[in-house]
């Protein structure tokens, strides 16, 4: 790793950068005199991999469908990312009092 700024030849400072949505921090080398900075490759790659694995989280409101039934609408981002279609079957399970798991039925499963 370079310890000198390629622009002004000042010593670079090592800084751990917090990236929103990631637990790992990326290591950056920053020049205190000019705007030059660069990220260390290994730590940056770990942050990118972690962000790719992070599930989509969207705040939703529960709505009343009828007398004793509640429901939620799927946001267009969820529909697009999962390629959901009208009438498609899903499986719903409740593993505990704080989680609901929805599983999309695979096309191959229909014929088994």
C-alpha atoms as a PDB file:
ATOM      1  CA  UNK A   1       0.000   0.000   0.000  1.00  0.00           C
ATOM      2  CA  UNK A   2       1.204   3.477  -0.866  1.00  0.00           C
ATOM      3  CA  UNK A   3       1.994   5.649   2.137  1.00  0.00           C
ATOM      4  CA  UNK A   4       2.422   8.873   0.127  1.00  0.00           C
ATOM      5  CA  UNK A   5      -0.199  10.825  -1.796  1.00  0.00           C
ATOM      6  CA  UNK A   6       0.456  10.615  -5.557  1.00  0.00           C
ATOM      7  CA  UNK A   7      -0.803  14.214  -5.966  1.00  0.00           C
ATOM      8  CA  UNK A   8       1.022  16.174  -3.244  1.00  0.00           C
ATOM      9  CA  UNK A   9       3.407  13.601  -1.695  1.00  0.00           C
ATOM     10  CA  UNK A  10       1.886  14.015   1.806  1.00  0.00           C
ATOM     11  CA  UNK A  11       1.551  10.986   4.107  1.00  0.00           C
ATOM     12  CA  UNK A  12      -1.801   9.201   3.765  1.00  0.00           C
ATOM     13  CA  UNK A  13      -3.942   8.625   6.862  1.00  0.00           C
ATOM     14  CA  UNK A  14      -5.521   5.210   7.382  1.00  0.00           C
ATOM     15  CA  UNK A  15      -9.260   5.636   8.136  1.00  0.00           C
ATOM     16  CA  UNK A  16     -11.914   2.966   8.796  1.00  0.00           C
ATOM     17  CA  UNK A  17     -15.056   4.010   6.923  1.00  0.00           C
ATOM     18  CA  UNK A  18     -18.516   2.933   8.083  1.00  0.00           C
ATOM     19  CA  UNK A  19     -20.765   2.019   5.148  1.00  0.00           C
ATOM     20  CA  UNK A  20     -24.524   2.252   5.724  1.00  0.00           C
ATOM     21  CA  UNK A  21     -26.066  -1.227   5.896  1.00  0.00           C
ATOM     22  CA  UNK A  22     -22.777  -3.061   6.486  1.00  0.00           C
ATOM     23  CA  UNK A  23     -21.225  -4.319   9.720  1.00  0.00           C
ATOM     24  CA  UNK A  24     -17.703  -4.422   8.268  1.00  0.00           C
ATOM     25  CA  UNK A  25     -15.785  -1.204   7.744  1.00  0.00           C
ATOM     26  CA  UNK A  26     -13.824  -0.365   4.604  1.00  0.00           C
ATOM     27  CA  UNK A  27     -10.256   0.842   5.069  1.00  0.00           C
ATOM     28  CA  UNK A  28      -9.504   4.074   3.242  1.00  0.00           C
ATOM     29  CA  UNK A  29      -6.225   5.906   2.835  1.00  0.00           C
ATOM     30  CA  UNK A  30      -6.848   9.658   2.743  1.00  0.00           C
ATOM     31  CA  UNK A  31      -4.629  12.656   2.133  1.00  0.00           C
ATOM     32  CA  UNK A  32      -4.921  15.386   4.801  1.00  0.00           C
ATOM     33  CA  UNK A  33      -3.793  18.107   2.340  1.00  0.00           C
ATOM     34  CA  UNK A  34      -5.723  17.417  -0.864  1.00  0.00           C
ATOM     35  CA  UNK A  35      -8.900  15.486  -1.754  1.00  0.00           C
ATOM     36  CA  UNK A  36      -7.103  12.280  -2.749  1.00  0.00           C
ATOM     37  CA  UNK A  37      -8.300   8.998  -1.220  1.00  0.00           C
ATOM     38  CA  UNK A  38      -8.326   5.322  -2.097  1.00  0.00           C
ATOM     39  CA  UNK A  39      -9.869   2.216  -0.578  1.00  0.00           C
ATOM     40  CA  UNK A  40      -7.999  -0.906   0.437  1.00  0.00           C
ATOM     41  CA  UNK A  41      -9.161  -3.712  -1.859  1.00  0.00           C
ATOM     42  CA  UNK A  42      -9.735  -6.589   0.636  1.00  0.00           C
ATOM     43  CA  UNK A  43     -11.820  -4.612   3.141  1.00  0.00           C
ATOM     44  CA  UNK A  44     -13.813  -2.964   0.332  1.00  0.00           C
ATOM     45  CA  UNK A  45     -14.565  -6.369  -1.200  1.00  0.00           C
ATOM     46  CA  UNK A  46     -15.836  -7.665   2.181  1.00  0.00           C
ATOM     47  CA  UNK A  47     -18.200  -4.688   2.494  1.00  0.00           C
ATOM     48  CA  UNK A  48     -19.497  -5.192  -1.063  1.00  0.00           C
ATOM     49  CA  UNK A  49     -20.129  -8.906  -0.448  1.00  0.00           C
ATOM     50  CA  UNK A  50     -21.916  -8.134   2.808  1.00  0.00           C
ATOM     51  CA  UNK A  51     -24.172  -5.562   1.122  1.00  0.00           C
ATOM     52  CA  UNK A  52     -25.027  -8.013  -1.659  1.00  0.00           C
ATOM     53  CA  UNK A  53     -26.168 -10.561   0.939  1.00  0.00           C
ATOM     54  CA  UNK A  54     -28.257  -8.044   2.882  1.00  0.00           C
ATOM     55  CA  UNK A  55     -31.950  -8.744   2.349  1.00  0.00           C
ATOM     56  CA  UNK A  56     -34.290  -6.053   1.136  1.00  0.00           C
ATOM     57  CA  UNK A  57     -36.072  -4.463   4.100  1.00  0.00           C
ATOM     58  CA  UNK A  58     -39.124  -2.292   3.516  1.00  0.00           C
ATOM     59  CA  UNK A  59     -41.478  -0.887   6.118  1.00  0.00           C
ATOM     60  CA  UNK A  60     -45.069  -1.959   5.381  1.00  0.00           C
ATOM     61  CA  UNK A  61     -48.381  -1.208   7.037  1.00  0.00           C
ATOM     62  CA  UNK A  62     -50.897  -3.941   7.781  1.00  0.00           C
ATOM     63  CA  UNK A  63     -54.277  -3.243   6.197  1.00  0.00           C
ATOM     64  CA  UNK A  64     -57.777  -4.509   6.966  1.00  0.00           C
ATOM     65  CA  UNK A  65     -59.118  -6.657   4.122  1.00  0.00           C
ATOM     66  CA  UNK A  66     -62.475  -7.648   5.541  1.00  0.00           C
ATOM     67  CA  UNK A  67     -64.170  -8.351   8.855  1.00  0.00           C
ATOM     68  CA  UNK A  68     -61.508 -10.526  10.498  1.00  0.00           C
ATOM     69  CA  UNK A  69     -58.780 -10.586   7.818  1.00  0.00           C
ATOM     70  CA  UNK A  70     -55.613  -8.498   7.611  1.00  0.00           C
ATOM     71  CA  UNK A  71     -53.102  -8.244   4.787  1.00  0.00           C
ATOM     72  CA  UNK A  72     -50.199  -6.374   3.236  1.00  0.00           C
ATOM     73  CA  UNK A  73     -49.481  -5.130  -0.264  1.00  0.00           C
ATOM     74  CA  UNK A  74     -46.184  -6.048  -1.901  1.00  0.00           C
ATOM     75  CA  UNK A  75     -44.160  -2.981  -2.861  1.00  0.00           C
ATOM     76  CA  UNK A  76     -43.270  -2.802  -6.581  1.00  0.00           C
ATOM     77  CA  UNK A  77     -39.568  -3.245  -5.696  1.00  0.00           C
ATOM     78  CA  UNK A  78     -40.371  -6.554  -3.975  1.00  0.00           C
ATOM     79  CA  UNK A  79     -42.557  -7.687  -6.880  1.00  0.00           C
ATOM     80  CA  UNK A  80     -39.846  -6.828  -9.412  1.00  0.00           C
ATOM     81  CA  UNK A  81     -36.928  -8.322  -7.466  1.00  0.00           C
ATOM     82  CA  UNK A  82     -38.772 -11.626  -6.896  1.00  0.00           C
ATOM     83  CA  UNK A  83     -40.540 -11.667 -10.308  1.00  0.00           C
ATOM     84  CA  UNK A  84     -43.900 -12.244  -8.613  1.00  0.00           C
ATOM     85  CA  UNK A  85     -46.988 -12.807 -10.748  1.00  0.00           C
ATOM     86  CA  UNK A  86     -50.678 -12.482  -9.940  1.00  0.00           C
ATOM     87  CA  UNK A  87     -52.142 -15.798  -8.750  1.00  0.00           C
ATOM     88  CA  UNK A  88     -48.742 -17.303  -7.942  1.00  0.00           C
ATOM     89  CA  UNK A  89     -48.700 -19.628  -4.918  1.00  0.00           C
ATOM     90  CA  UNK A  90     -46.592 -18.910  -1.851  1.00  0.00           C
ATOM     91  CA  UNK A  91     -46.101 -20.815   1.383  1.00  0.00           C
ATOM     92  CA  UNK A  92     -46.407 -18.937   4.660  1.00  0.00           C
ATOM     93  CA  UNK A  93     -44.908 -20.187   7.926  1.00  0.00           C
ATOM     94  CA  UNK A  94     -44.670 -18.653  11.386  1.00  0.00           C
ATOM     95  CA  UNK A  95     -41.497 -19.919  13.117  1.00  0.00           C
ATOM     96  CA  UNK A  96     -42.028 -17.719  16.205  1.00  0.00           C
ATOM     97  CA  UNK A  97     -44.056 -14.732  17.435  1.00  0.00           C
ATOM     98  CA  UNK A  98     -41.804 -12.163  15.702  1.00  0.00           C
ATOM     99  CA  UNK A  99     -41.272 -13.652  12.235  1.00  0.00           C
ATOM    100  CA  UNK A 100     -43.292 -14.599   9.169  1.00  0.00           C
ATOM    101  CA  UNK A 101     -41.559 -16.498   6.378  1.00  0.00           C
ATOM    102  CA  UNK A 102     -42.939 -16.424   2.839  1.00  0.00           C
ATOM    103  CA  UNK A 103     -41.613 -18.974   0.367  1.00  0.00           C
ATOM    104  CA  UNK A 104     -42.279 -18.761  -3.350  1.00  0.00           C
ATOM    105  CA  UNK A 105     -43.398 -22.050  -4.860  1.00  0.00           C
ATOM    106  CA  UNK A 106     -40.956 -23.177  -7.556  1.00  0.00           C
ATOM    107  CA  UNK A 107     -42.382 -24.130 -10.954  1.00  0.00           C
ATOM    108  CA  UNK A 108     -40.640 -27.536 -10.810  1.00  0.00           C
ATOM    109  CA  UNK A 109     -42.355 -28.318  -7.479  1.00  0.00           C
ATOM    110  CA  UNK A 110     -45.772 -28.139  -9.145  1.00  0.00           C
ATOM    111  CA  UNK A 111     -45.011 -31.226 -11.229  1.00  0.00           C
ATOM    112  CA  UNK A 112     -43.492 -33.405  -8.471  1.00  0.00           C
END
